[in-house]
PDB file of N, CA and C in Angstrom:
ATOM      1  N   MET A   1      93.263  89.228  95.203  1.00  0.00           N
ATOM      2  CA  MET A   1      92.862  89.237  93.813  1.00  0.00           C
ATOM      3  C   MET A   1      91.696  90.133  93.536  1.00  0.00           C
ATOM      4  N   LYS A   2      91.671  90.972  92.438  1.00  0.00           N
ATOM      5  CA  LYS A   2      90.744  91.739  92.010  1.00  0.00           C
ATOM      6  C   LYS A   2      89.142  90.912  91.554  1.00  0.00           C
ATOM      7  N   GLY A   3      88.247  91.476  92.162  1.00  0.00           N
ATOM      8  CA  GLY A   3      86.993  90.876  91.776  1.00  0.00           C
ATOM      9  C   GLY A   3      86.112  91.578  90.749  1.00  0.00           C
ATOM     10  N   ASN A   4      85.037  91.728  90.778  1.00  0.00           N
ATOM     11  CA  ASN A   4      83.753  92.602  90.325  1.00  0.00           C
ATOM     12  C   ASN A   4      84.189  94.205  90.508  1.00  0.00           C
ATOM     13  N   THR A   5      84.017  94.923  89.453  1.00  0.00           N
ATOM     14  CA  THR A   5      83.943  96.127  89.633  1.00  0.00           C
ATOM     15  C   THR A   5      82.749  96.909  90.195  1.00  0.00           C
ATOM     16  N   MET A   6      83.064  97.654  91.448  1.00  0.00           N
ATOM     17  CA  MET A   6      82.090  98.151  91.863  1.00  0.00           C
ATOM     18  C   MET A   6      81.506  99.685  91.675  1.00  0.00           C
ATOM     19  N   LEU A   7      82.838 100.268  91.339  1.00  0.00           N
ATOM     20  CA  LEU A   7      82.641 101.584  90.800  1.00  0.00           C
ATOM     21  C   LEU A   7      83.532 102.176  89.848  1.00  0.00           C
ATOM     22  N   GLU A   8      83.498 102.880  88.787  1.00  0.00           N
ATOM     23  CA  GLU A   8      84.039 103.463  87.931  1.00  0.00           C
ATOM     24  C   GLU A   8      83.596 104.878  87.519  1.00  0.00           C
ATOM     25  N   THR A   9      84.490 105.878  87.995  1.00  0.00           N
ATOM     26  CA  THR A   9      84.078 107.040  87.546  1.00  0.00           C
ATOM     27  C   THR A   9      85.097 108.219  87.258  1.00  0.00           C
ATOM     28  N   ASN A  10      85.208 109.102  86.489  1.00  0.00           N
ATOM     29  CA  ASN A  10      86.124 110.138  86.006  1.00  0.00           C
ATOM     30  C   ASN A  10      85.709 111.453  86.823  1.00  0.00           C
ATOM     31  N   ILE A  11      86.748 112.317  87.125  1.00  0.00           N
ATOM     32  CA  ILE A  11      86.800 113.454  87.705  1.00  0.00           C
ATOM     33  C   ILE A  11      87.534 114.298  87.142  1.00  0.00           C
ATOM     34  N   GLN A  12      86.937 115.395  86.560  1.00  0.00           N
ATOM     35  CA  GLN A  12      87.574 116.434  85.543  1.00  0.00           C
ATOM     36  C   GLN A  12      87.783 117.556  86.291  1.00  0.00           C
ATOM     37  N   GLY A  13      89.024 118.298  86.139  1.00  0.00           N
ATOM     38  CA  GLY A  13      89.100 119.462  86.709  1.00  0.00           C
ATOM     39  C   GLY A  13      90.824 119.733  87.135  1.00  0.00           C
ATOM     40  N   CYS A  14      91.224 120.924  87.487  1.00  0.00           N
ATOM     41  CA  CYS A  14      92.507 121.181  87.684  1.00  0.00           C
ATOM     42  C   CYS A  14      93.262 120.232  89.151  1.00  0.00           C
ATOM     43  N   ILE A  15      93.841 119.278  88.779  1.00  0.00           N
ATOM     44  CA  ILE A  15      94.363 118.339  89.836  1.00  0.00           C
ATOM     45  C   ILE A  15      95.659 119.389  90.558  1.00  0.00           C
ATOM     46  N   CYS A  16      95.438 119.783  91.648  1.00  0.00           N
ATOM     47  CA  CYS A  16      95.932 120.332  92.867  1.00  0.00           C
ATOM     48  C   CYS A  16      96.498 119.752  93.900  1.00  0.00           C
ATOM     49  N   THR A  17      97.816 119.958  94.362  1.00  0.00           N
ATOM     50  CA  THR A  17      98.087 119.362  95.267  1.00  0.00           C
ATOM     51  C   THR A  17      98.862 119.897  96.784  1.00  0.00           C
ATOM     52  N   ASN A  18      99.963 120.927  96.095  1.00  0.00           N
ATOM     53  CA  ASN A  18     100.770 121.836  96.734  1.00  0.00           C
ATOM     54  C   ASN A  18     100.672 123.239  96.285  1.00  0.00           C
ATOM     55  N   SER A  19      99.432 123.572  96.034  1.00  0.00           N
ATOM     56  CA  SER A  19      99.487 125.024  95.617  1.00  0.00           C
ATOM     57  C   SER A  19      98.797 125.806  97.023  1.00  0.00           C
ATOM     58  N   ASN A  20      98.444 127.047  96.710  1.00  0.00           N
ATOM     59  CA  ASN A  20      97.887 127.734  97.715  1.00  0.00           C
ATOM     60  C   ASN A  20      96.555 127.193  98.349  1.00  0.00           C
ATOM     61  N   ARG A  21      96.231 127.394  99.577  1.00  0.00           N
ATOM     62  CA  ARG A  21      95.346 126.568 100.365  1.00  0.00           C
ATOM     63  C   ARG A  21      93.714 126.482  99.485  1.00  0.00           C
ATOM     64  N   GLU A  22      93.433 127.708  99.292  1.00  0.00           N
ATOM     65  CA  GLU A  22      92.085 127.778  98.276  1.00  0.00           C
ATOM     66  C   GLU A  22      91.760 127.044  97.040  1.00  0.00           C
ATOM     67  N   ILE A  23      93.024 126.812  96.433  1.00  0.00           N
ATOM     68  CA  ILE A  23      93.046 126.059  95.144  1.00  0.00           C
ATOM     69  C   ILE A  23      93.012 124.498  95.451  1.00  0.00           C
ATOM     70  N   VAL A  24      93.916 124.318  96.620  1.00  0.00           N
ATOM     71  CA  VAL A  24      93.736 122.706  97.051  1.00  0.00           C
ATOM     72  C   VAL A  24      92.392 122.406  97.362  1.00  0.00           C
ATOM     73  N   ALA A  25      91.642 123.348  98.594  1.00  0.00           N
ATOM     74  CA  ALA A  25      90.494 122.914  99.075  1.00  0.00           C
ATOM     75  C   ALA A  25      89.198 122.925  97.832  1.00  0.00           C
ATOM     76  N   LYS A  26      89.542 123.811  96.883  1.00  0.00           N
ATOM     77  CA  LYS A  26      88.533 123.622  95.878  1.00  0.00           C
ATOM     78  C   LYS A  26      88.788 122.152  95.187  1.00  0.00           C
ATOM     79  N   TRP A  27      89.752 121.837  94.770  1.00  0.00           N
ATOM     80  CA  TRP A  27      90.005 120.686  94.219  1.00  0.00           C
ATOM     81  C   TRP A  27      89.578 119.358  94.971  1.00  0.00           C
ATOM     82  N   ARG A  28      89.839 119.213  96.520  1.00  0.00           N
ATOM     83  CA  ARG A  28      89.304 118.399  97.278  1.00  0.00           C
ATOM     84  C   ARG A  28      87.693 118.557  97.193  1.00  0.00           C
ATOM     85  N   GLY A  29      87.257 119.705  97.104  1.00  0.00           N
ATOM     86  CA  GLY A  29      85.781 119.655  97.320  1.00  0.00           C
ATOM     87  C   GLY A  29      85.142 119.408  95.914  1.00  0.00           C
ATOM     88  N   ASP A  30      85.927 119.547  95.002  1.00  0.00           N
ATOM     89  CA  ASP A  30      85.423 118.894  93.679  1.00  0.00           C
ATOM     90  C   ASP A  30      85.650 117.244  93.555  1.00  0.00           C
ATOM     91  N   ILE A  31      86.450 116.728  94.178  1.00  0.00           N
ATOM     92  CA  ILE A  31      86.486 115.291  94.575  1.00  0.00           C
ATOM     93  C   ILE A  31      85.468 114.841  95.253  1.00  0.00           C
ATOM     94  N   GLU A  32      84.879 115.304  96.615  1.00  0.00           N
ATOM     95  CA  GLU A  32      83.883 115.083  97.388  1.00  0.00           C
ATOM     96  C   GLU A  32      82.439 115.280  96.638  1.00  0.00           C
ATOM     97  N   ARG A  33      82.231 116.234  96.017  1.00  0.00           N
ATOM     98  CA  ARG A  33      81.194 116.455  95.307  1.00  0.00           C
ATOM     99  C   ARG A  33      80.921 115.393  94.259  1.00  0.00           C
ATOM    100  N   SER A  34      82.028 115.183  93.523  1.00  0.00           N
ATOM    101  CA  SER A  34      81.851 114.181  92.338  1.00  0.00           C
ATOM    102  C   SER A  34      81.541 112.847  93.241  1.00  0.00           C
ATOM    103  N   LEU A  35      82.511 112.353  93.972  1.00  0.00           N
ATOM    104  CA  LEU A  35      82.157 110.972  94.467  1.00  0.00           C
ATOM    105  C   LEU A  35      80.972 111.041  95.307  1.00  0.00           C
ATOM    106  N   GLY A  36      80.343 112.200  96.316  1.00  0.00           N
ATOM    107  CA  GLY A  36      79.329 112.102  96.942  1.00  0.00           C
ATOM    108  C   GLY A  36      77.906 112.002  96.205  1.00  0.00           C
ATOM    109  N   SER A  37      78.199 112.345  94.696  1.00  0.00           N
ATOM    110  CA  SER A  37      76.834 112.178  93.848  1.00  0.00           C
ATOM    111  C   SER A  37      76.578 110.694  93.399  1.00  0.00           C
ATOM    112  N   LEU A  38      77.419 109.847  93.450  1.00  0.00           N
ATOM    113  CA  LEU A  38      77.230 108.552  93.320  1.00  0.00           C
ATOM    114  C   LEU A  38      76.366 107.771  94.290  1.00  0.00           C
ATOM    115  N   ASP A  39      75.806 106.575  93.692  1.00  0.00           N
ATOM    116  CA  ASP A  39      75.196 105.670  94.671  1.00  0.00           C
ATOM    117  C   ASP A  39      76.432 104.746  95.484  1.00  0.00           C
ATOM    118  N   LEU A  40      76.733 105.005  96.645  1.00  0.00           N
ATOM    119  CA  LEU A  40      77.582 104.428  97.420  1.00  0.00           C
ATOM    120  C   LEU A  40      77.190 103.092  98.639  1.00  0.00           C
ATOM    121  N   SER A  41      75.731 102.843  98.383  1.00  0.00           N
ATOM    122  CA  SER A  41      75.016 102.115  99.429  1.00  0.00           C
ATOM    123  C   SER A  41      75.898 100.643  99.568  1.00  0.00           C
ATOM    124  N   PHE A  42      76.226 100.255  98.314  1.00  0.00           N
ATOM    125  CA  PHE A  42      76.923  98.943  98.285  1.00  0.00           C
ATOM    126  C   PHE A  42      78.115  98.839  98.919  1.00  0.00           C
ATOM    127  N   PHE A  43      78.962  99.711  99.331  1.00  0.00           N
ATOM    128  CA  PHE A  43      79.908  99.807 100.125  1.00  0.00           C
ATOM    129  C   PHE A  43      79.795  99.626 101.674  1.00  0.00           C
ATOM    130  N   ASP A  44      80.493  98.512 102.106  1.00  0.00           N
ATOM    131  CA  ASP A  44      80.059  98.108 103.623  1.00  0.00           C
ATOM    132  C   ASP A  44      81.337  97.575 104.226  1.00  0.00           C
ATOM    133  N   GLY A  45      82.392  98.275 104.216  1.00  0.00           N
ATOM    134  CA  GLY A  45      83.379  97.920 104.660  1.00  0.00           C
ATOM    135  C   GLY A  45      84.255  96.682 104.195  1.00  0.00           C
ATOM    136  N   GLN A  46      84.033  96.001 103.208  1.00  0.00           N
ATOM    137  CA  GLN A  46      84.751  94.920 102.567  1.00  0.00           C
ATOM    138  C   GLN A  46      86.097  95.352 102.300  1.00  0.00           C
ATOM    139  N   LYS A  47      86.859  94.369 101.912  1.00  0.00           N
ATOM    140  CA  LYS A  47      88.212  94.650 101.208  1.00  0.00           C
ATOM    141  C   LYS A  47      87.991  95.350  99.859  1.00  0.00           C
ATOM    142  N   ILE A  48      88.984  95.944  99.221  1.00  0.00           N
ATOM    143  CA  ILE A  48      88.760  96.558  98.097  1.00  0.00           C
ATOM    144  C   ILE A  48      89.976  96.874  97.522  1.00  0.00           C
ATOM    145  N   SER A  49      90.180  97.083  96.102  1.00  0.00           N
ATOM    146  CA  SER A  49      90.976  97.445  95.445  1.00  0.00           C
ATOM    147  C   SER A  49      90.805  98.854  94.728  1.00  0.00           C
ATOM    148  N   VAL A  50      91.681  99.862  94.502  1.00  0.00           N
ATOM    149  CA  VAL A  50      91.644 100.962  94.003  1.00  0.00           C
ATOM    150  C   VAL A  50      92.694 101.201  93.185  1.00  0.00           C
ATOM    151  N   GLU A  51      92.121 101.733  91.932  1.00  0.00           N
ATOM    152  CA  GLU A  51      93.036 102.162  90.685  1.00  0.00           C
ATOM    153  C   GLU A  51      92.824 103.498  90.612  1.00  0.00           C
ATOM    154  N   LEU A  52      93.727 104.222  90.515  1.00  0.00           N
ATOM    155  CA  LEU A  52      93.926 105.530  90.225  1.00  0.00           C
ATOM    156  C   LEU A  52      94.482 106.282  89.138  1.00  0.00           C
ATOM    157  N   LYS A  53      94.189 106.480  88.065  1.00  0.00           N
ATOM    158  CA  LYS A  53      94.781 107.075  86.858  1.00  0.00           C
ATOM    159  C   LYS A  53      94.632 108.784  86.992  1.00  0.00           C
ATOM    160  N   PHE A  54      95.875 109.373  86.936  1.00  0.00           N
ATOM    161  CA  PHE A  54      95.606 110.647  86.550  1.00  0.00           C
ATOM    162  C   PHE A  54      96.342 111.143  85.443  1.00  0.00           C
ATOM    163  N   TRP A  55      95.537 112.126  84.918  1.00  0.00           N
ATOM    164  CA  TRP A  55      95.929 113.003  83.522  1.00  0.00           C
ATOM    165  C   TRP A  55      96.493 114.217  84.203  1.00  0.00           C
ATOM    166  N   ILE A  56      97.677 114.641  83.957  1.00  0.00           N
ATOM    167  CA  ILE A  56      98.205 116.045  84.552  1.00  0.00           C
ATOM    168  C   ILE A  56      98.703 116.589  83.031  1.00  0.00           C
ATOM    169  N   ASN A  57      98.553 117.899  83.169  1.00  0.00           N
ATOM    170  CA  ASN A  57      99.057 118.840  82.187  1.00  0.00           C
ATOM    171  C   ASN A  57     100.648 118.339  81.841  1.00  0.00           C
ATOM    172  N   THR A  58     100.951 118.312  80.901  1.00  0.00           N
ATOM    173  CA  THR A  58     102.478 117.988  80.467  1.00  0.00           C
ATOM    174  C   THR A  58     103.031 119.012  81.271  1.00  0.00           C
ATOM    175  N   ASN A  59     103.031 120.207  81.024  1.00  0.00           N
ATOM    176  CA  ASN A  59     103.853 121.144  81.624  1.00  0.00           C
ATOM    177  C   ASN A  59     104.225 121.126  83.068  1.00  0.00           C
ATOM    178  N   ARG A  60     103.026 120.884  83.750  1.00  0.00           N
ATOM    179  CA  ARG A  60     102.932 120.510  85.327  1.00  0.00           C
ATOM    180  C   ARG A  60     103.478 119.255  85.892  1.00  0.00           C
ATOM    181  N   LEU A  61     103.476 118.223  84.934  1.00  0.00           N
ATOM    182  CA  LEU A  61     103.935 116.894  85.113  1.00  0.00           C
ATOM    183  C   LEU A  61     105.266 116.887  85.997  1.00  0.00           C
ATOM    184  N   ARG A  62     106.107 117.546  85.460  1.00  0.00           N
ATOM    185  CA  ARG A  62     107.580 117.572  85.859  1.00  0.00           C
ATOM    186  C   ARG A  62     107.735 118.289  87.055  1.00  0.00           C
ATOM    187  N   THR A  63     106.941 118.712  87.834  1.00  0.00           N
ATOM    188  CA  THR A  63     107.379 119.475  89.266  1.00  0.00           C
ATOM    189  C   THR A  63     107.247 118.430  90.201  1.00  0.00           C
ATOM    190  N   ARG A  64     107.880 118.389  91.408  1.00  0.00           N
ATOM    191  CA  ARG A  64     107.916 117.825  92.505  1.00  0.00           C
ATOM    192  C   ARG A  64     106.462 117.542  93.268  1.00  0.00           C
ATOM    193  N   ARG A  65     105.811 118.710  93.044  1.00  0.00           N
ATOM    194  CA  ARG A  65     104.335 118.862  93.725  1.00  0.00           C
ATOM    195  C   ARG A  65     103.396 117.542  93.094  1.00  0.00           C
ATOM    196  N   ASN A  66     103.921 116.968  91.993  1.00  0.00           N
ATOM    197  CA  ASN A  66     102.902 115.764  91.609  1.00  0.00           C
ATOM    198  C   ASN A  66     103.323 114.234  92.022  1.00  0.00           C
ATOM    199  N   ASP A  67     104.056 114.221  93.189  1.00  0.00           N
ATOM    200  CA  ASP A  67     104.516 113.018  93.738  1.00  0.00           C
ATOM    201  C   ASP A  67     103.245 112.185  93.696  1.00  0.00           C
ATOM    202  N   LEU A  68     103.329 110.932  93.647  1.00  0.00           N
ATOM    203  CA  LEU A  68     102.041 109.963  93.837  1.00  0.00           C
ATOM    204  C   LEU A  68     101.617 110.086  94.918  1.00  0.00           C
ATOM    205  N   ASP A  69     102.158 110.065  96.179  1.00  0.00           N
ATOM    206  CA  ASP A  69     101.509 110.131  97.289  1.00  0.00           C
ATOM    207  C   ASP A  69     100.484 111.508  97.614  1.00  0.00           C
ATOM    208  N   ASN A  70     101.226 112.398  97.154  1.00  0.00           N
ATOM    209  CA  ASN A  70     100.396 113.851  97.155  1.00  0.00           C
ATOM    210  C   ASN A  70      99.216 113.805  96.192  1.00  0.00           C
ATOM    211  N   LEU A  71      99.027 112.918  95.367  1.00  0.00           N
ATOM    212  CA  LEU A  71      98.112 112.926  94.505  1.00  0.00           C
ATOM    213  C   LEU A  71      97.185 111.836  94.960  1.00  0.00           C
ATOM    214  N   VAL A  72      97.433 110.909  95.492  1.00  0.00           N
ATOM    215  CA  VAL A  72      96.646 110.080  96.344  1.00  0.00           C
ATOM    216  C   VAL A  72      95.801 110.383  97.495  1.00  0.00           C
ATOM    217  N   LYS A  73      96.523 110.784  98.302  1.00  0.00           N
ATOM    218  CA  LYS A  73      95.993 111.202  99.583  1.00  0.00           C
ATOM    219  C   LYS A  73      94.535 112.101  99.560  1.00  0.00           C
ATOM    220  N   PRO A  74      94.584 113.087  98.766  1.00  0.00           N
ATOM    221  CA  PRO A  74      93.262 114.062  98.614  1.00  0.00           C
ATOM    222  C   PRO A  74      91.997 113.022  98.250  1.00  0.00           C
ATOM    223  N   VAL A  75      92.459 111.836  97.486  1.00  0.00           N
ATOM    224  CA  VAL A  75      91.485 111.163  96.958  1.00  0.00           C
ATOM    225  C   VAL A  75      90.995 110.313  98.022  1.00  0.00           C
ATOM    226  N   LEU A  76      91.701 109.468  98.855  1.00  0.00           N
ATOM    227  CA  LEU A  76      91.420 108.544  99.935  1.00  0.00           C
ATOM    228  C   LEU A  76      90.798 109.098 100.913  1.00  0.00           C
ATOM    229  N   ASP A  77      91.370 110.749 101.386  1.00  0.00           N
ATOM    230  CA  ASP A  77      90.670 111.358 102.209  1.00  0.00           C
ATOM    231  C   ASP A  77      89.401 111.712 102.033  1.00  0.00           C
ATOM    232  N   SER A  78      88.902 112.134 100.674  1.00  0.00           N
ATOM    233  CA  SER A  78      87.603 112.086 100.082  1.00  0.00           C
ATOM    234  C   SER A  78      86.924 111.083 100.219  1.00  0.00           C
ATOM    235  N   MET A  79      87.305 109.981  99.852  1.00  0.00           N
ATOM    236  CA  MET A  79      86.590 108.755 100.047  1.00  0.00           C
ATOM    237  C   MET A  79      86.086 108.413 101.444  1.00  0.00           C
ATOM    238  N   LYS A  80      87.063 108.606 102.353  1.00  0.00           N
ATOM    239  CA  LYS A  80      86.552 108.525 103.844  1.00  0.00           C
ATOM    240  C   LYS A  80      85.576 109.682 104.508  1.00  0.00           C
ATOM    241  N   LYS A  81      85.975 110.758 103.847  1.00  0.00           N
ATOM    242  CA  LYS A  81      84.999 111.836 104.029  1.00  0.00           C
ATOM    243  C   LYS A  81      83.555 111.533 104.014  1.00  0.00           C
ATOM    244  N   ILE A  82      83.223 111.247 102.760  1.00  0.00           N
ATOM    245  CA  ILE A  82      82.000 110.987 102.220  1.00  0.00           C
ATOM    246  C   ILE A  82      81.498 109.590 102.697  1.00  0.00           C
ATOM    247  N   GLY A  83      82.042 108.741 103.244  1.00  0.00           N
ATOM    248  CA  GLY A  83      81.669 107.395 103.865  1.00  0.00           C
ATOM    249  C   GLY A  83      81.984 106.433 102.863  1.00  0.00           C
ATOM    250  N   MET A  84      82.534 106.689 101.788  1.00  0.00           N
ATOM    251  CA  MET A  84      82.674 105.313 100.940  1.00  0.00           C
ATOM    252  C   MET A  84      83.695 104.211 101.650  1.00  0.00           C
ATOM    253  N   ILE A  85      84.580 104.813 102.302  1.00  0.00           N
ATOM    254  CA  ILE A  85      85.322 103.686 103.040  1.00  0.00           C
ATOM    255  C   ILE A  85      85.344 104.492 104.621  1.00  0.00           C
ATOM    256  N   THR A  86      85.592 103.658 105.667  1.00  0.00           N
ATOM    257  CA  THR A  86      85.654 104.004 106.734  1.00  0.00           C
ATOM    258  C   THR A  86      87.199 104.364 107.276  1.00  0.00           C
ATOM    259  N   ASP A  87      88.023 103.667 106.634  1.00  0.00           N
ATOM    260  CA  ASP A  87      89.492 103.964 107.025  1.00  0.00           C
ATOM    261  C   ASP A  87      90.366 103.248 105.639  1.00  0.00           C
ATOM    262  N   ASP A  88      91.305 103.781 105.523  1.00  0.00           N
ATOM    263  CA  ASP A  88      92.084 103.377 104.172  1.00  0.00           C
ATOM    264  C   ASP A  88      92.600 102.134 104.289  1.00  0.00           C
ATOM    265  N   ALA A  89      92.452 101.373 105.671  1.00  0.00           N
ATOM    266  CA  ALA A  89      93.042  99.947 105.643  1.00  0.00           C
ATOM    267  C   ALA A  89      91.914  99.288 105.071  1.00  0.00           C
ATOM    268  N   GLU A  90      90.976  99.425 104.532  1.00  0.00           N
ATOM    269  CA  GLU A  90      89.945  98.689 103.407  1.00  0.00           C
ATOM    270  C   GLU A  90      90.708  98.209 102.443  1.00  0.00           C
ATOM    271  N   ILE A  91      91.647  99.296 102.165  1.00  0.00           N
ATOM    272  CA  ILE A  91      92.073  99.179 100.603  1.00  0.00           C
ATOM    273  C   ILE A  91      93.387  98.333 100.871  1.00  0.00           C
ATOM    274  N   PHE A  92      93.188  97.179  99.979  1.00  0.00           N
ATOM    275  CA  PHE A  92      94.148  96.040 100.021  1.00  0.00           C
ATOM    276  C   PHE A  92      95.145  95.997  98.796  1.00  0.00           C
ATOM    277  N   HIS A  93      94.602  96.653  97.868  1.00  0.00           N
ATOM    278  CA  HIS A  93      95.379  96.848  96.639  1.00  0.00           C
ATOM    279  C   HIS A  93      95.043  98.247  96.404  1.00  0.00           C
ATOM    280  N   LEU A  94      96.484  98.970  95.850  1.00  0.00           N
ATOM    281  CA  LEU A  94      96.453 100.250  95.210  1.00  0.00           C
ATOM    282  C   LEU A  94      97.172 100.306  93.903  1.00  0.00           C
ATOM    283  N   ASP A  95      96.611 100.855  92.802  1.00  0.00           N
ATOM    284  CA  ASP A  95      97.369 100.791  91.663  1.00  0.00           C
ATOM    285  C   ASP A  95      97.242 102.162  91.358  1.00  0.00           C
ATOM    286  N   VAL A  96      98.275 103.030  91.205  1.00  0.00           N
ATOM    287  CA  VAL A  96      98.551 104.610  90.713  1.00  0.00           C
ATOM    288  C   VAL A  96      99.369 104.888  89.499  1.00  0.00           C
ATOM    289  N   THR A  97      98.633 105.418  88.769  1.00  0.00           N
ATOM    290  CA  THR A  97      99.550 105.790  87.217  1.00  0.00           C
ATOM    291  C   THR A  97      99.147 107.338  87.056  1.00  0.00           C
ATOM    292  N   LYS A  98     100.333 108.053  86.450  1.00  0.00           N
ATOM    293  CA  LYS A  98     100.054 109.523  86.126  1.00  0.00           C
ATOM    294  C   LYS A  98     100.454 109.401  84.863  1.00  0.00           C
ATOM    295  N   PHE A  99      99.791 110.201  83.880  1.00  0.00           N
ATOM    296  CA  PHE A  99     100.008 110.263  82.519  1.00  0.00           C
ATOM    297  C   PHE A  99     100.171 111.802  82.069  1.00  0.00           C
ATOM    298  N   PRO A 100     100.528 112.137  81.130  1.00  0.00           N
ATOM    299  CA  PRO A 100     100.724 113.516  80.511  1.00  0.00           C
ATOM    300  C   PRO A 100      99.648 113.966  79.637  1.00  0.00           C
ATOM    301  N   THR A 101      98.982 115.162  79.799  1.00  0.00           N
ATOM    302  CA  THR A 101      98.109 115.284  78.655  1.00  0.00           C
ATOM    303  C   THR A 101      98.075 116.754  78.371  1.00  0.00           C
ATOM    304  N   THR A 102      97.813 116.933  77.244  1.00  0.00           N
ATOM    305  CA  THR A 102      97.677 118.664  76.787  1.00  0.00           C
ATOM    306  C   THR A 102      96.177 119.064  76.763  1.00  0.00           C
ATOM    307  N   GLY A 103      95.167 118.101  77.222  1.00  0.00           N
ATOM    308  CA  GLY A 103      93.925 118.040  77.389  1.00  0.00           C
ATOM    309  C   GLY A 103      93.666 118.415  78.732  1.00  0.00           C
ATOM    310  N   GLU A 104      92.151 118.540  79.126  1.00  0.00           N
ATOM    311  CA  GLU A 104      91.804 118.753  80.535  1.00  0.00           C
ATOM    312  C   GLU A 104      92.479 117.590  81.442  1.00  0.00           C
ATOM    313  N   GLU A 105      92.484 118.101  82.703  1.00  0.00           N
ATOM    314  CA  GLU A 105      93.145 117.163  83.765  1.00  0.00           C
ATOM    315  C   GLU A 105      92.152 116.364  84.198  1.00  0.00           C
ATOM    316  N   GLU A 106      92.501 115.028  84.521  1.00  0.00           N
ATOM    317  CA  GLU A 106      91.296 114.105  85.310  1.00  0.00           C
ATOM    318  C   GLU A 106      91.883 113.112  86.022  1.00  0.00           C
ATOM    319  N   ILE A 107      91.019 112.745  86.779  1.00  0.00           N
ATOM    320  CA  ILE A 107      91.137 111.425  87.481  1.00  0.00           C
ATOM    321  C   ILE A 107      90.253 110.162  86.912  1.00  0.00           C
ATOM    322  N   LYS A 108      90.817 109.131  86.775  1.00  0.00           N
ATOM    323  CA  LYS A 108      90.126 107.939  86.691  1.00  0.00           C
ATOM    324  C   LYS A 108      89.966 107.213  88.260  1.00  0.00           C
ATOM    325  N   LEU A 109      88.882 106.666  88.665  1.00  0.00           N
ATOM    326  CA  LEU A 109      89.121 105.832  89.637  1.00  0.00           C
ATOM    327  C   LEU A 109      87.775 104.894  89.539  1.00  0.00           C
ATOM    328  N   VAL A 110      88.819 103.596  89.827  1.00  0.00           N
ATOM    329  CA  VAL A 110      88.052 102.446  89.462  1.00  0.00           C
ATOM    330  C   VAL A 110      88.190 101.601  90.938  1.00  0.00           C
ATOM    331  N   VAL A 111      87.099 101.138  91.445  1.00  0.00           N
ATOM    332  CA  VAL A 111      87.126 100.568  92.988  1.00  0.00           C
ATOM    333  C   VAL A 111      86.400  98.968  92.351  1.00  0.00           C
ATOM    334  N   LYS A 112      87.176  97.925  92.915  1.00  0.00           N
ATOM    335  CA  LYS A 112      86.899  96.459  92.609  1.00  0.00           C
ATOM    336  C   LYS A 112      86.912  95.747  93.916  1.00  0.00           C
ATOM    337  N   GLU A 113      86.101  94.590  93.972  1.00  0.00           N
ATOM    338  CA  GLU A 113      86.150  93.687  95.215  1.00  0.00           C
ATOM    339  C   GLU A 113      87.547  93.244  95.162  1.00  0.00           C
ATOM    340  N   TRP A 114      88.067  92.977  96.563  1.00  0.00           N
ATOM    341  CA  TRP A 114      89.216  92.643  96.715  1.00  0.00           C
ATOM    342  C   TRP A 114      89.249  91.129  97.270  1.00  0.00           C
ATOM    343  N   ASN A 115      89.147  89.787  96.570  1.00  0.00           N
ATOM    344  CA  ASN A 115      88.651  88.722  97.234  1.00  0.00           C
ATOM    345  C   ASN A 115      90.287  87.923  97.969  1.00  0.00           C
TER     346      ASN A 115
END
């Protein structure tokens, strides 16, 4: 069951999963820098719930490159790389949604305690 919210943040920028390597690397770097700038001292390996909401350009949303697993993996990898989690086995609940947008692409990440 979801508990108290531990972290809530938005990450703006072009969401990229299967484009050329340079663009994907930039996107992953953007995620890591964004998360790395937050106070993560309260994460200590406890069970967590992760909610991810992706706003993707309407024209790009229809492509196969925006599979949910392809969208989620870079975020979870970044969470591990910066030390927010030691392994994605700490995630006991994962809720992922994608939405069309005509504005800037964005990820909303909410991490809650999992009781």
